[in-house]
Amino acid sequence: MKLTGQHIDEFIEMYRKRYGVVLGRDEALKKGLRLCRLLEIVLLENDNDEYGETETRLRNGPSLHNE
């Protein structure tokens, strides 16, 4: 899973707005990747293949940015 520099910057800004704390890039990357992993787990657990492609997309490495 990859986070672009833009994703990290956006995460830093959202975190600052929500918690009033400015994260460093390394810490933002760690927290952002943990959040992505948590979402992946939750989506896979709740999916039960109800939506078909969600599980396949996550297992194949979701794209977190527009290409």
Protein backbone atom coordinates (compact mmCIF):
# COMPACT_ATOMS: atom_id res chain seq x y z
CA MET A 1 0.00 0.00 0.00
CA LYS A 2 1.35 3.40 -0.96
CA LEU A 3 0.56 6.87 0.26
CA THR A 4 1.67 9.75 -1.93
CA GLY A 5 3.18 12.94 -0.60
CA GLN A 6 -0.15 14.63 -1.26
CA HIS A 7 -1.99 11.99 0.81
CA ILE A 8 0.42 12.53 3.69
CA ASP A 9 0.01 16.31 3.51
CA GLU A 10 -3.78 15.96 3.49
CA PHE A 11 -3.65 13.57 6.45
CA ILE A 12 -1.44 16.00 8.39
CA GLU A 13 -3.93 18.82 7.74
CA MET A 14 -6.98 16.73 8.69
CA TYR A 15 -5.24 15.54 11.86
CA ARG A 16 -4.32 19.12 12.77
CA LYS A 17 -7.89 20.31 12.27
CA ARG A 18 -9.34 17.45 14.33
CA TYR A 19 -6.80 17.16 17.16
CA GLY A 20 -4.89 20.46 17.07
CA VAL A 21 -1.59 18.60 16.68
CA VAL A 22 0.76 18.96 13.72
CA LEU A 23 2.28 15.59 12.87
CA GLY A 24 5.70 15.17 11.33
CA ARG A 25 5.77 13.41 7.97
CA ASP A 26 7.13 10.15 9.41
CA GLU A 27 4.48 10.02 12.13
CA ALA A 28 1.75 10.96 9.64
CA LEU A 29 2.89 8.17 7.32
CA LYS A 30 2.78 5.62 10.17
CA LYS A 31 -0.65 6.74 11.34
CA GLY A 32 -1.98 6.97 7.79
CA LEU A 33 -0.83 3.45 6.94
CA ARG A 34 -2.34 2.13 10.18
CA LEU A 35 -5.62 3.82 9.33
CA CYS A 36 -5.60 2.33 5.83
CA ARG A 37 -4.89 -1.12 7.27
CA LEU A 38 -7.73 -0.75 9.78
CA LEU A 39 -10.15 0.26 7.03
CA GLU A 40 -9.00 -2.66 4.92
CA ILE A 41 -9.69 -5.08 7.79
CA VAL A 42 -13.08 -3.57 8.59
CA LEU A 43 -14.15 -3.56 4.95
CA LEU A 44 -13.06 -7.14 4.41
CA GLU A 45 -14.74 -8.33 7.60
CA ASN A 46 -18.02 -6.57 6.85
CA ASP A 47 -18.01 -7.21 3.13
CA ASN A 48 -18.87 -10.92 3.11
CA ASP A 49 -18.56 -10.55 -0.66
CA GLU A 50 -21.81 -8.58 -0.60
CA TYR A 51 -20.43 -6.06 -3.05
CA GLY A 52 -18.26 -8.47 -5.00
CA GLU A 53 -15.30 -6.43 -6.13
CA THR A 54 -14.44 -4.78 -2.79
CA GLU A 55 -12.58 -7.79 -1.43
CA THR A 56 -10.76 -8.41 -4.70
CA ARG A 57 -9.74 -4.76 -4.98
CA LEU A 58 -8.39 -4.67 -1.42
CA ARG A 59 -6.53 -7.95 -1.75
CA ASN A 60 -4.88 -6.71 -4.94
CA GLY A 61 -3.63 -3.56 -3.24
CA PRO A 62 -6.03 -0.65 -3.41
CA SER A 63 -4.97 2.41 -5.31
CA LEU A 64 -5.17 5.37 -2.95
CA HIS A 65 -4.69 7.95 -5.64
CA ASN A 66 -5.96 8.66 -9.09
CA GLU A 67 -3.70 7.40 -11.82
